[in-house]
């Protein structure tokens, strides 16, 4: 049933992210697209494949996250576990075309690994599956963003 599958989207509280942040990093909110990695040894993956096979169902291996980076602070200084987590497909190429300001590119390169580790730690614990992620864009607390960063 649909209730057994991971939610299609999960968003941290946007306003609380900026109110509770104590540093520039903690006061950053990112929109993240993720695809679940296939794993035939996990029963849930078979349920997702069965769900996806019906053409009118939303693809349940494609997820969206709104992530306050304060949740990921423990992963800030971790060295990359692998470099094969970044998605590159038609969807992510579209996101790159839409979100192409210098700040988007900087945050994508700065936070991709940390966000990958952070979301996977939680997702693996809950579902025994891994994610490949793509940072669409990030926003800092409004008073921390200069006009120069906004591309103006």
C-alpha atoms as a PDB file:
ATOM      1  CA  UNK A   1       0.000   0.000   0.000  1.00  0.00           C
ATOM      2  CA  UNK A   2       1.011   3.629  -0.519  1.00  0.00           C
ATOM      3  CA  UNK A   3       1.395   4.123   3.262  1.00  0.00           C
ATOM      4  CA  UNK A   4       4.362   1.730   3.365  1.00  0.00           C
ATOM      5  CA  UNK A   5       6.338   3.760   0.832  1.00  0.00           C
ATOM      6  CA  UNK A   6       8.566   6.715   1.712  1.00  0.00           C
ATOM      7  CA  UNK A   7       6.793  10.083   1.405  1.00  0.00           C
ATOM      8  CA  UNK A   8       7.235  11.818  -1.948  1.00  0.00           C
ATOM      9  CA  UNK A   9       8.315  14.987  -0.181  1.00  0.00           C
ATOM     10  CA  UNK A  10       9.495  16.023   3.254  1.00  0.00           C
ATOM     11  CA  UNK A  11      10.024  19.660   4.190  1.00  0.00           C
ATOM     12  CA  UNK A  12      11.625  21.022   7.338  1.00  0.00           C
ATOM     13  CA  UNK A  13       9.965  24.140   8.738  1.00  0.00           C
ATOM     14  CA  UNK A  14      11.262  26.964   6.541  1.00  0.00           C
ATOM     15  CA  UNK A  15      10.628  29.827   8.994  1.00  0.00           C
ATOM     16  CA  UNK A  16      12.007  27.945  11.998  1.00  0.00           C
ATOM     17  CA  UNK A  17      15.193  27.243  10.043  1.00  0.00           C
ATOM     18  CA  UNK A  18      15.969  30.948   9.822  1.00  0.00           C
ATOM     19  CA  UNK A  19      14.795  31.817  13.329  1.00  0.00           C
ATOM     20  CA  UNK A  20      16.763  29.096  15.101  1.00  0.00           C
ATOM     21  CA  UNK A  21      19.986  29.263  13.097  1.00  0.00           C
ATOM     22  CA  UNK A  22      23.075  30.318  15.020  1.00  0.00           C
ATOM     23  CA  UNK A  23      25.478  30.446  12.094  1.00  0.00           C
ATOM     24  CA  UNK A  24      25.392  31.091   8.363  1.00  0.00           C
ATOM     25  CA  UNK A  25      25.374  27.354   7.695  1.00  0.00           C
ATOM     26  CA  UNK A  26      22.645  26.590  10.217  1.00  0.00           C
ATOM     27  CA  UNK A  27      20.507  29.371   8.727  1.00  0.00           C
ATOM     28  CA  UNK A  28      20.524  27.815   5.266  1.00  0.00           C
ATOM     29  CA  UNK A  29      17.564  25.996   3.718  1.00  0.00           C
ATOM     30  CA  UNK A  30      18.074  23.795   0.647  1.00  0.00           C
ATOM     31  CA  UNK A  31      15.702  22.223  -1.832  1.00  0.00           C
ATOM     32  CA  UNK A  32      16.950  18.759  -2.746  1.00  0.00           C
ATOM     33  CA  UNK A  33      15.843  16.309  -5.410  1.00  0.00           C
ATOM     34  CA  UNK A  34      16.660  12.657  -4.676  1.00  0.00           C
ATOM     35  CA  UNK A  35      16.320   9.297  -6.366  1.00  0.00           C
ATOM     36  CA  UNK A  36      16.276   6.063  -4.417  1.00  0.00           C
ATOM     37  CA  UNK A  37      19.065   3.684  -5.417  1.00  0.00           C
ATOM     38  CA  UNK A  38      17.801   0.314  -6.611  1.00  0.00           C
ATOM     39  CA  UNK A  39      18.470  -2.502  -4.152  1.00  0.00           C
ATOM     40  CA  UNK A  40      16.932  -5.875  -4.974  1.00  0.00           C
ATOM     41  CA  UNK A  41      17.770  -7.259  -1.532  1.00  0.00           C
ATOM     42  CA  UNK A  42      15.337  -4.861   0.187  1.00  0.00           C
ATOM     43  CA  UNK A  43      11.637  -5.771   0.155  1.00  0.00           C
ATOM     44  CA  UNK A  44      10.582  -2.119   0.157  1.00  0.00           C
ATOM     45  CA  UNK A  45      12.424  -1.582  -3.125  1.00  0.00           C
ATOM     46  CA  UNK A  46      10.257  -4.299  -4.733  1.00  0.00           C
ATOM     47  CA  UNK A  47       7.137  -2.528  -3.436  1.00  0.00           C
ATOM     48  CA  UNK A  48       8.365   0.739  -4.939  1.00  0.00           C
ATOM     49  CA  UNK A  49       9.011  -0.976  -8.288  1.00  0.00           C
ATOM     50  CA  UNK A  50       5.541  -2.538  -8.232  1.00  0.00           C
ATOM     51  CA  UNK A  51       3.991   0.844  -7.439  1.00  0.00           C
ATOM     52  CA  UNK A  52       6.012   2.528 -10.206  1.00  0.00           C
ATOM     53  CA  UNK A  53       4.985  -0.103 -12.759  1.00  0.00           C
ATOM     54  CA  UNK A  54       1.444   1.291 -12.837  1.00  0.00           C
ATOM     55  CA  UNK A  55       1.758   4.139 -15.320  1.00  0.00           C
ATOM     56  CA  UNK A  56      -0.653   6.511 -13.567  1.00  0.00           C
ATOM     57  CA  UNK A  57       1.221   6.370 -10.260  1.00  0.00           C
ATOM     58  CA  UNK A  58       3.789   8.976  -9.373  1.00  0.00           C
ATOM     59  CA  UNK A  59       7.304   7.508  -9.516  1.00  0.00           C
ATOM     60  CA  UNK A  60       7.924   6.747  -5.875  1.00  0.00           C
ATOM     61  CA  UNK A  61      11.690   6.537  -6.268  1.00  0.00           C
ATOM     62  CA  UNK A  62      11.850  10.298  -6.977  1.00  0.00           C
ATOM     63  CA  UNK A  63      11.642  12.395  -3.844  1.00  0.00           C
ATOM     64  CA  UNK A  64      11.903  16.039  -2.804  1.00  0.00           C
ATOM     65  CA  UNK A  65      13.297  17.426   0.429  1.00  0.00           C
ATOM     66  CA  UNK A  66      13.308  20.873   1.975  1.00  0.00           C
ATOM     67  CA  UNK A  67      16.263  20.650   4.320  1.00  0.00           C
ATOM     68  CA  UNK A  68      17.404  23.032   7.034  1.00  0.00           C
ATOM     69  CA  UNK A  69      21.160  22.531   7.201  1.00  0.00           C
ATOM     70  CA  UNK A  70      21.144  22.773  10.997  1.00  0.00           C
ATOM     71  CA  UNK A  71      20.017  19.106  10.832  1.00  0.00           C
ATOM     72  CA  UNK A  72      23.244  18.235   9.040  1.00  0.00           C
ATOM     73  CA  UNK A  73      25.845  19.964  11.203  1.00  0.00           C
ATOM     74  CA  UNK A  74      27.390  16.627  12.290  1.00  0.00           C
ATOM     75  CA  UNK A  75      28.343  15.962   8.647  1.00  0.00           C
ATOM     76  CA  UNK A  76      30.132  19.284   7.990  1.00  0.00           C
ATOM     77  CA  UNK A  77      33.705  18.038   8.221  1.00  0.00           C
ATOM     78  CA  UNK A  78      33.246  14.489   6.973  1.00  0.00           C
ATOM     79  CA  UNK A  79      35.421  13.445   4.089  1.00  0.00           C
ATOM     80  CA  UNK A  80      33.633  12.189   0.987  1.00  0.00           C
ATOM     81  CA  UNK A  81      32.615   8.535   1.272  1.00  0.00           C
ATOM     82  CA  UNK A  82      32.205   8.267  -2.477  1.00  0.00           C
ATOM     83  CA  UNK A  83      31.805  10.563  -5.408  1.00  0.00           C
ATOM     84  CA  UNK A  84      29.075   8.601  -7.172  1.00  0.00           C
ATOM     85  CA  UNK A  85      26.104  10.129  -5.398  1.00  0.00           C
ATOM     86  CA  UNK A  86      25.499  13.093  -7.678  1.00  0.00           C
ATOM     87  CA  UNK A  87      22.665  12.680 -10.105  1.00  0.00           C
ATOM     88  CA  UNK A  88      23.064  13.703 -13.706  1.00  0.00           C
ATOM     89  CA  UNK A  89      20.001  13.130 -15.815  1.00  0.00           C
ATOM     90  CA  UNK A  90      17.334  15.059 -17.704  1.00  0.00           C
ATOM     91  CA  UNK A  91      15.706  16.250 -14.474  1.00  0.00           C
ATOM     92  CA  UNK A  92      18.902  17.507 -12.849  1.00  0.00           C
ATOM     93  CA  UNK A  93      20.036  19.152 -16.080  1.00  0.00           C
ATOM     94  CA  UNK A  94      16.777  21.103 -16.046  1.00  0.00           C
ATOM     95  CA  UNK A  95      17.364  22.152 -12.415  1.00  0.00           C
ATOM     96  CA  UNK A  96      20.896  23.277 -13.308  1.00  0.00           C
ATOM     97  CA  UNK A  97      19.518  25.382 -16.136  1.00  0.00           C
ATOM     98  CA  UNK A  98      16.874  27.026 -13.915  1.00  0.00           C
ATOM     99  CA  UNK A  99      19.021  27.463 -10.780  1.00  0.00           C
ATOM    100  CA  UNK A 100      22.209  28.862 -12.282  1.00  0.00           C
ATOM    101  CA  UNK A 101      22.989  31.982 -10.244  1.00  0.00           C
ATOM    102  CA  UNK A 102      26.490  32.121  -8.737  1.00  0.00           C
ATOM    103  CA  UNK A 103      25.049  31.541  -5.261  1.00  0.00           C
ATOM    104  CA  UNK A 104      23.223  28.395  -6.469  1.00  0.00           C
ATOM    105  CA  UNK A 105      26.430  27.008  -7.975  1.00  0.00           C
ATOM    106  CA  UNK A 106      28.475  27.855  -4.889  1.00  0.00           C
ATOM    107  CA  UNK A 107      26.017  26.279  -2.471  1.00  0.00           C
ATOM    108  CA  UNK A 108      25.553  23.224  -4.672  1.00  0.00           C
ATOM    109  CA  UNK A 109      29.280  22.576  -4.698  1.00  0.00           C
ATOM    110  CA  UNK A 110      29.730  23.444  -1.008  1.00  0.00           C
ATOM    111  CA  UNK A 111      26.869  21.434   0.457  1.00  0.00           C
ATOM    112  CA  UNK A 112      26.209  18.493  -1.901  1.00  0.00           C
ATOM    113  CA  UNK A 113      28.372  15.972  -0.044  1.00  0.00           C
ATOM    114  CA  UNK A 114      27.133  17.019   3.393  1.00  0.00           C
ATOM    115  CA  UNK A 115      23.486  16.859   2.293  1.00  0.00           C
ATOM    116  CA  UNK A 116      24.043  13.465   0.667  1.00  0.00           C
ATOM    117  CA  UNK A 117      25.497  12.061   3.906  1.00  0.00           C
ATOM    118  CA  UNK A 118      22.844  13.704   6.065  1.00  0.00           C
ATOM    119  CA  UNK A 119      19.791  12.548   4.106  1.00  0.00           C
ATOM    120  CA  UNK A 120      21.207   9.052   3.627  1.00  0.00           C
ATOM    121  CA  UNK A 121      21.902   8.550   7.322  1.00  0.00           C
ATOM    122  CA  UNK A 122      18.233   9.131   8.107  1.00  0.00           C
ATOM    123  CA  UNK A 123      16.837   7.401   5.007  1.00  0.00           C
ATOM    124  CA  UNK A 124      18.930   4.251   5.477  1.00  0.00           C
ATOM    125  CA  UNK A 125      17.900   4.041   9.119  1.00  0.00           C
ATOM    126  CA  UNK A 126      14.188   4.296   8.233  1.00  0.00           C
ATOM    127  CA  UNK A 127      14.001   2.394   4.941  1.00  0.00           C
ATOM    128  CA  UNK A 128      17.260   0.429   4.485  1.00  0.00           C
ATOM    129  CA  UNK A 129      17.710   2.137   1.117  1.00  0.00           C
ATOM    130  CA  UNK A 130      20.112   4.807  -0.142  1.00  0.00           C
ATOM    131  CA  UNK A 131      19.545   8.041  -2.025  1.00  0.00           C
ATOM    132  CA  UNK A 132      21.375   9.833  -4.796  1.00  0.00           C
ATOM    133  CA  UNK A 133      20.833  13.545  -4.310  1.00  0.00           C
ATOM    134  CA  UNK A 134      20.957  16.792  -6.248  1.00  0.00           C
ATOM    135  CA  UNK A 135      20.857  20.203  -4.556  1.00  0.00           C
ATOM    136  CA  UNK A 136      18.481  22.369  -6.593  1.00  0.00           C
ATOM    137  CA  UNK A 137      19.180  25.567  -4.663  1.00  0.00           C
ATOM    138  CA  UNK A 138      19.731  26.908  -1.161  1.00  0.00           C
ATOM    139  CA  UNK A 139      18.639  30.073   0.607  1.00  0.00           C
ATOM    140  CA  UNK A 140      20.322  31.802   3.500  1.00  0.00           C
ATOM    141  CA  UNK A 141      18.571  33.827   6.163  1.00  0.00           C
ATOM    142  CA  UNK A 142      17.456  36.961   4.255  1.00  0.00           C
ATOM    143  CA  UNK A 143      19.730  39.453   6.068  1.00  0.00           C
ATOM    144  CA  UNK A 144      22.749  37.244   5.261  1.00  0.00           C
ATOM    145  CA  UNK A 145      22.289  37.469   1.496  1.00  0.00           C
ATOM    146  CA  UNK A 146      23.825  40.444  -0.251  1.00  0.00           C
ATOM    147  CA  UNK A 147      22.571  41.845  -3.559  1.00  0.00           C
ATOM    148  CA  UNK A 148      25.808  40.650  -5.170  1.00  0.00           C
ATOM    149  CA  UNK A 149      25.040  37.037  -4.193  1.00  0.00           C
ATOM    150  CA  UNK A 150      21.551  37.309  -5.681  1.00  0.00           C
ATOM    151  CA  UNK A 151      23.106  38.003  -9.048  1.00  0.00           C
ATOM    152  CA  UNK A 152      21.986  41.644  -9.194  1.00  0.00           C
END
